[in-house]
Amino acid sequence: MTLTALRTAMIRFPLVAGTVVAGAAVAVLLAAGQESAAQWMTSAYALLLAIFRSGSMVKALRNGRWGIDLLAVTAIAATVAVGE
């Protein structure tokens, strides 16, 4: 994959790119023996993602559409709330 193709993919799919970067950072923290920091980083990223998706979820609910976003945001919030 060329650098241009990678840049285009990152612009086209920013959530995927962010998740890959966050996953790599968590892997580095785990390899360094920093389990607590890795869990905090994972939880923070998950909450940011849930907040981001909440906007589209609320918009869809206002239009009378129940979508998978409702389940996803609820699952993310519940998972972070119990410390997983």
N, C-alpha and C. Protein backbone atom coordinates (compact mmCIF):
# COMPACT_ATOMS: atom_id res chain seq x y z
N MET A 1 0.85 -1.17 0.00
CA MET A 1 0.00 0.00 0.00
C MET A 1 0.89 1.23 0.00
N THR A 2 0.61 2.13 -0.89
CA THR A 2 1.41 3.35 -0.97
C THR A 2 1.00 4.33 0.12
N LEU A 3 1.85 5.30 0.34
CA LEU A 3 1.57 6.32 1.35
C LEU A 3 0.32 7.12 1.00
N THR A 4 0.13 7.39 -0.27
CA THR A 4 -1.05 8.13 -0.72
C THR A 4 -2.32 7.32 -0.48
N ALA A 5 -2.28 6.03 -0.77
CA ALA A 5 -3.44 5.17 -0.56
C ALA A 5 -3.77 5.07 0.93
N LEU A 6 -2.73 4.99 1.76
CA LEU A 6 -2.93 4.93 3.21
C LEU A 6 -3.56 6.23 3.72
N ARG A 7 -3.07 7.35 3.25
CA ARG A 7 -3.61 8.65 3.65
C ARG A 7 -5.07 8.78 3.22
N THR A 8 -5.39 8.33 2.01
CA THR A 8 -6.76 8.38 1.51
C THR A 8 -7.67 7.50 2.36
N ALA A 9 -7.20 6.31 2.72
CA ALA A 9 -8.00 5.42 3.56
C ALA A 9 -8.23 6.02 4.93
N MET A 10 -7.23 6.67 5.50
CA MET A 10 -7.38 7.29 6.81
C MET A 10 -8.38 8.45 6.79
N ILE A 11 -8.38 9.19 5.71
CA ILE A 11 -9.34 10.29 5.57
C ILE A 11 -10.74 9.75 5.34
N ARG A 12 -10.84 8.70 4.57
CA ARG A 12 -12.15 8.12 4.25
C ARG A 12 -12.76 7.39 5.44
N PHE A 13 -11.93 6.76 6.26
CA PHE A 13 -12.40 5.98 7.40
C PHE A 13 -11.70 6.42 8.68
N PRO A 14 -12.01 7.61 9.19
CA PRO A 14 -11.28 8.12 10.35
C PRO A 14 -11.51 7.32 11.63
N LEU A 15 -12.68 6.75 11.81
CA LEU A 15 -12.92 5.96 13.02
C LEU A 15 -12.10 4.68 13.02
N VAL A 16 -11.96 4.08 11.86
CA VAL A 16 -11.13 2.88 11.75
C VAL A 16 -9.66 3.24 12.02
N ALA A 17 -9.21 4.32 11.43
CA ALA A 17 -7.83 4.76 11.63
C ALA A 17 -7.57 5.07 13.10
N GLY A 18 -8.50 5.76 13.74
CA GLY A 18 -8.36 6.08 15.15
C GLY A 18 -8.33 4.85 16.02
N THR A 19 -9.15 3.87 15.67
CA THR A 19 -9.19 2.63 16.43
C THR A 19 -7.88 1.86 16.29
N VAL A 20 -7.33 1.84 15.09
CA VAL A 20 -6.04 1.16 14.88
C VAL A 20 -4.94 1.84 15.69
N VAL A 21 -4.92 3.17 15.67
CA VAL A 21 -3.90 3.92 16.42
C VAL A 21 -4.08 3.69 17.92
N ALA A 22 -5.32 3.76 18.40
CA ALA A 22 -5.57 3.52 19.83
C ALA A 22 -5.20 2.10 20.21
N GLY A 23 -5.52 1.14 19.38
CA GLY A 23 -5.16 -0.25 19.65
C GLY A 23 -3.66 -0.46 19.72
N ALA A 24 -2.94 0.18 18.83
CA ALA A 24 -1.48 0.08 18.84
C ALA A 24 -0.90 0.71 20.11
N ALA A 25 -1.44 1.84 20.51
CA ALA A 25 -0.97 2.50 21.74
C ALA A 25 -1.26 1.63 22.96
N VAL A 26 -2.42 1.01 23.00
CA VAL A 26 -2.77 0.12 24.11
C VAL A 26 -1.84 -1.10 24.11
N ALA A 27 -1.53 -1.63 22.95
CA ALA A 27 -0.61 -2.77 22.87
C ALA A 27 0.77 -2.41 23.41
N VAL A 28 1.23 -1.21 23.09
CA VAL A 28 2.53 -0.75 23.60
C VAL A 28 2.48 -0.63 25.12
N LEU A 29 1.39 -0.05 25.64
CA LEU A 29 1.26 0.08 27.09
C LEU A 29 1.23 -1.28 27.78
N LEU A 30 0.51 -2.22 27.20
CA LEU A 30 0.45 -3.57 27.78
C LEU A 30 1.82 -4.25 27.74
N ALA A 31 2.53 -4.07 26.64
CA ALA A 31 3.86 -4.67 26.52
C ALA A 31 4.83 -4.07 27.53
N ALA A 32 4.59 -2.81 27.90
CA ALA A 32 5.44 -2.14 28.89
C ALA A 32 5.01 -2.42 30.32
N GLY A 33 3.96 -3.23 30.48
CA GLY A 33 3.51 -3.58 31.82
C GLY A 33 2.61 -2.54 32.46
N GLN A 34 2.03 -1.68 31.67
CA GLN A 34 1.18 -0.60 32.17
C GLN A 34 -0.29 -0.94 31.96
N GLU A 35 -0.78 -1.99 32.63
CA GLU A 35 -2.15 -2.46 32.43
C GLU A 35 -3.19 -1.40 32.80
N SER A 36 -2.94 -0.70 33.89
CA SER A 36 -3.90 0.32 34.35
C SER A 36 -4.02 1.46 33.33
N ALA A 37 -2.90 1.92 32.83
CA ALA A 37 -2.92 2.99 31.82
C ALA A 37 -3.59 2.51 30.54
N ALA A 38 -3.35 1.26 30.17
CA ALA A 38 -3.98 0.71 28.97
C ALA A 38 -5.49 0.65 29.13
N GLN A 39 -5.95 0.24 30.31
CA GLN A 39 -7.40 0.20 30.54
C GLN A 39 -8.01 1.59 30.51
N TRP A 40 -7.35 2.56 31.12
CA TRP A 40 -7.85 3.93 31.10
C TRP A 40 -7.92 4.47 29.67
N MET A 41 -6.89 4.20 28.89
CA MET A 41 -6.87 4.69 27.51
C MET A 41 -7.98 4.03 26.69
N THR A 42 -8.15 2.75 26.88
CA THR A 42 -9.21 2.04 26.16
C THR A 42 -10.58 2.58 26.54
N SER A 43 -10.80 2.79 27.83
CA SER A 43 -12.08 3.31 28.30
C SER A 43 -12.34 4.72 27.77
N ALA A 44 -11.31 5.55 27.79
CA ALA A 44 -11.47 6.92 27.29
C ALA A 44 -11.80 6.92 25.80
N TYR A 45 -11.10 6.08 25.03
CA TYR A 45 -11.38 6.02 23.60
C TYR A 45 -12.79 5.51 23.34
N ALA A 46 -13.20 4.50 24.09
CA ALA A 46 -14.55 3.94 23.92
C ALA A 46 -15.61 4.99 24.24
N LEU A 47 -15.40 5.75 25.31
CA LEU A 47 -16.37 6.80 25.65
C LEU A 47 -16.41 7.91 24.60
N LEU A 48 -15.25 8.29 24.09
CA LEU A 48 -15.24 9.30 23.01
C LEU A 48 -15.98 8.80 21.78
N LEU A 49 -15.78 7.55 21.46
CA LEU A 49 -16.47 6.96 20.32
C LEU A 49 -17.98 6.91 20.57
N ALA A 50 -18.38 6.55 21.78
CA ALA A 50 -19.81 6.51 22.12
C ALA A 50 -20.44 7.90 22.05
N ILE A 51 -19.73 8.90 22.53
CA ILE A 51 -20.24 10.28 22.46
C ILE A 51 -20.38 10.70 21.00
N PHE A 52 -19.38 10.38 20.19
CA PHE A 52 -19.43 10.73 18.77
C PHE A 52 -20.63 10.08 18.09
N ARG A 53 -20.86 8.79 18.38
CA ARG A 53 -21.97 8.07 17.74
C ARG A 53 -23.33 8.48 18.32
N SER A 54 -23.35 9.03 19.53
CA SER A 54 -24.61 9.44 20.15
C SER A 54 -25.32 10.51 19.34
N GLY A 55 -24.57 11.38 18.71
CA GLY A 55 -25.17 12.43 17.89
C GLY A 55 -26.01 11.86 16.77
N SER A 56 -25.47 10.91 16.03
CA SER A 56 -26.23 10.32 14.93
C SER A 56 -27.36 9.45 15.47
N MET A 57 -27.16 8.86 16.64
CA MET A 57 -28.20 8.03 17.24
C MET A 57 -29.42 8.89 17.62
N VAL A 58 -29.17 10.01 18.25
CA VAL A 58 -30.27 10.90 18.65
C VAL A 58 -31.00 11.42 17.42
N LYS A 59 -30.25 11.77 16.40
CA LYS A 59 -30.86 12.25 15.16
C LYS A 59 -31.77 11.18 14.55
N ALA A 60 -31.31 9.94 14.52
CA ALA A 60 -32.10 8.84 13.97
C ALA A 60 -33.34 8.59 14.82
N LEU A 61 -33.20 8.66 16.13
CA LEU A 61 -34.36 8.44 17.00
C LEU A 61 -35.42 9.53 16.81
N ARG A 62 -34.97 10.75 16.60
CA ARG A 62 -35.92 11.85 16.34
C ARG A 62 -36.69 11.62 15.05
N ASN A 63 -36.07 10.95 14.10
CA ASN A 63 -36.73 10.66 12.83
C ASN A 63 -37.54 9.37 12.88
N GLY A 64 -37.61 8.76 14.06
CA GLY A 64 -38.41 7.55 14.21
C GLY A 64 -37.73 6.27 13.78
N ARG A 65 -36.42 6.31 13.61
CA ARG A 65 -35.68 5.10 13.21
C ARG A 65 -34.90 4.56 14.39
N TRP A 66 -35.13 3.31 14.69
CA TRP A 66 -34.36 2.63 15.72
C TRP A 66 -33.26 1.87 15.02
N GLY A 67 -32.03 2.18 15.36
CA GLY A 67 -30.93 1.54 14.66
C GLY A 67 -29.98 0.83 15.61
N ILE A 68 -28.96 0.29 15.03
CA ILE A 68 -27.95 -0.45 15.78
C ILE A 68 -27.12 0.49 16.65
N ASP A 69 -27.12 1.79 16.33
CA ASP A 69 -26.36 2.76 17.12
C ASP A 69 -26.83 2.78 18.57
N LEU A 70 -28.13 2.63 18.79
CA LEU A 70 -28.67 2.63 20.14
C LEU A 70 -28.08 1.47 20.94
N LEU A 71 -28.04 0.30 20.35
CA LEU A 71 -27.46 -0.86 21.02
C LEU A 71 -25.96 -0.68 21.23
N ALA A 72 -25.27 -0.16 20.24
CA ALA A 72 -23.82 0.00 20.34
C ALA A 72 -23.44 0.99 21.44
N VAL A 73 -24.10 2.14 21.47
CA VAL A 73 -23.78 3.14 22.48
C VAL A 73 -24.10 2.62 23.87
N THR A 74 -25.22 1.93 24.02
CA THR A 74 -25.58 1.36 25.31
C THR A 74 -24.56 0.32 25.76
N ALA A 75 -24.13 -0.53 24.84
CA ALA A 75 -23.14 -1.56 25.17
C ALA A 75 -21.80 -0.95 25.55
N ILE A 76 -21.37 0.07 24.84
CA ILE A 76 -20.09 0.72 25.14
C ILE A 76 -20.15 1.36 26.53
N ALA A 77 -21.22 2.10 26.79
CA ALA A 77 -21.35 2.77 28.09
C ALA A 77 -21.41 1.75 29.23
N ALA A 78 -22.14 0.67 29.06
CA ALA A 78 -22.24 -0.34 30.10
C ALA A 78 -20.90 -1.03 30.34
N THR A 79 -20.17 -1.30 29.28
CA THR A 79 -18.88 -1.96 29.39
C THR A 79 -17.89 -1.09 30.15
N VAL A 80 -17.86 0.19 29.82
CA VAL A 80 -16.95 1.12 30.52
C VAL A 80 -17.40 1.28 31.97
N ALA A 81 -18.70 1.31 32.21
CA ALA A 81 -19.22 1.51 33.58
C ALA A 81 -18.80 0.38 34.52
N VAL A 82 -18.71 -0.83 34.01
CA VAL A 82 -18.31 -1.95 34.88
C VAL A 82 -16.80 -2.20 34.85
N GLY A 83 -16.07 -1.39 34.12
CA GLY A 83 -14.61 -1.47 34.13
C GLY A 83 -14.01 -2.54 33.26
N GLU A 84 -14.71 -2.94 32.23
CA GLU A 84 -14.17 -3.95 31.32
C GLU A 84 -13.49 -3.30 30.14
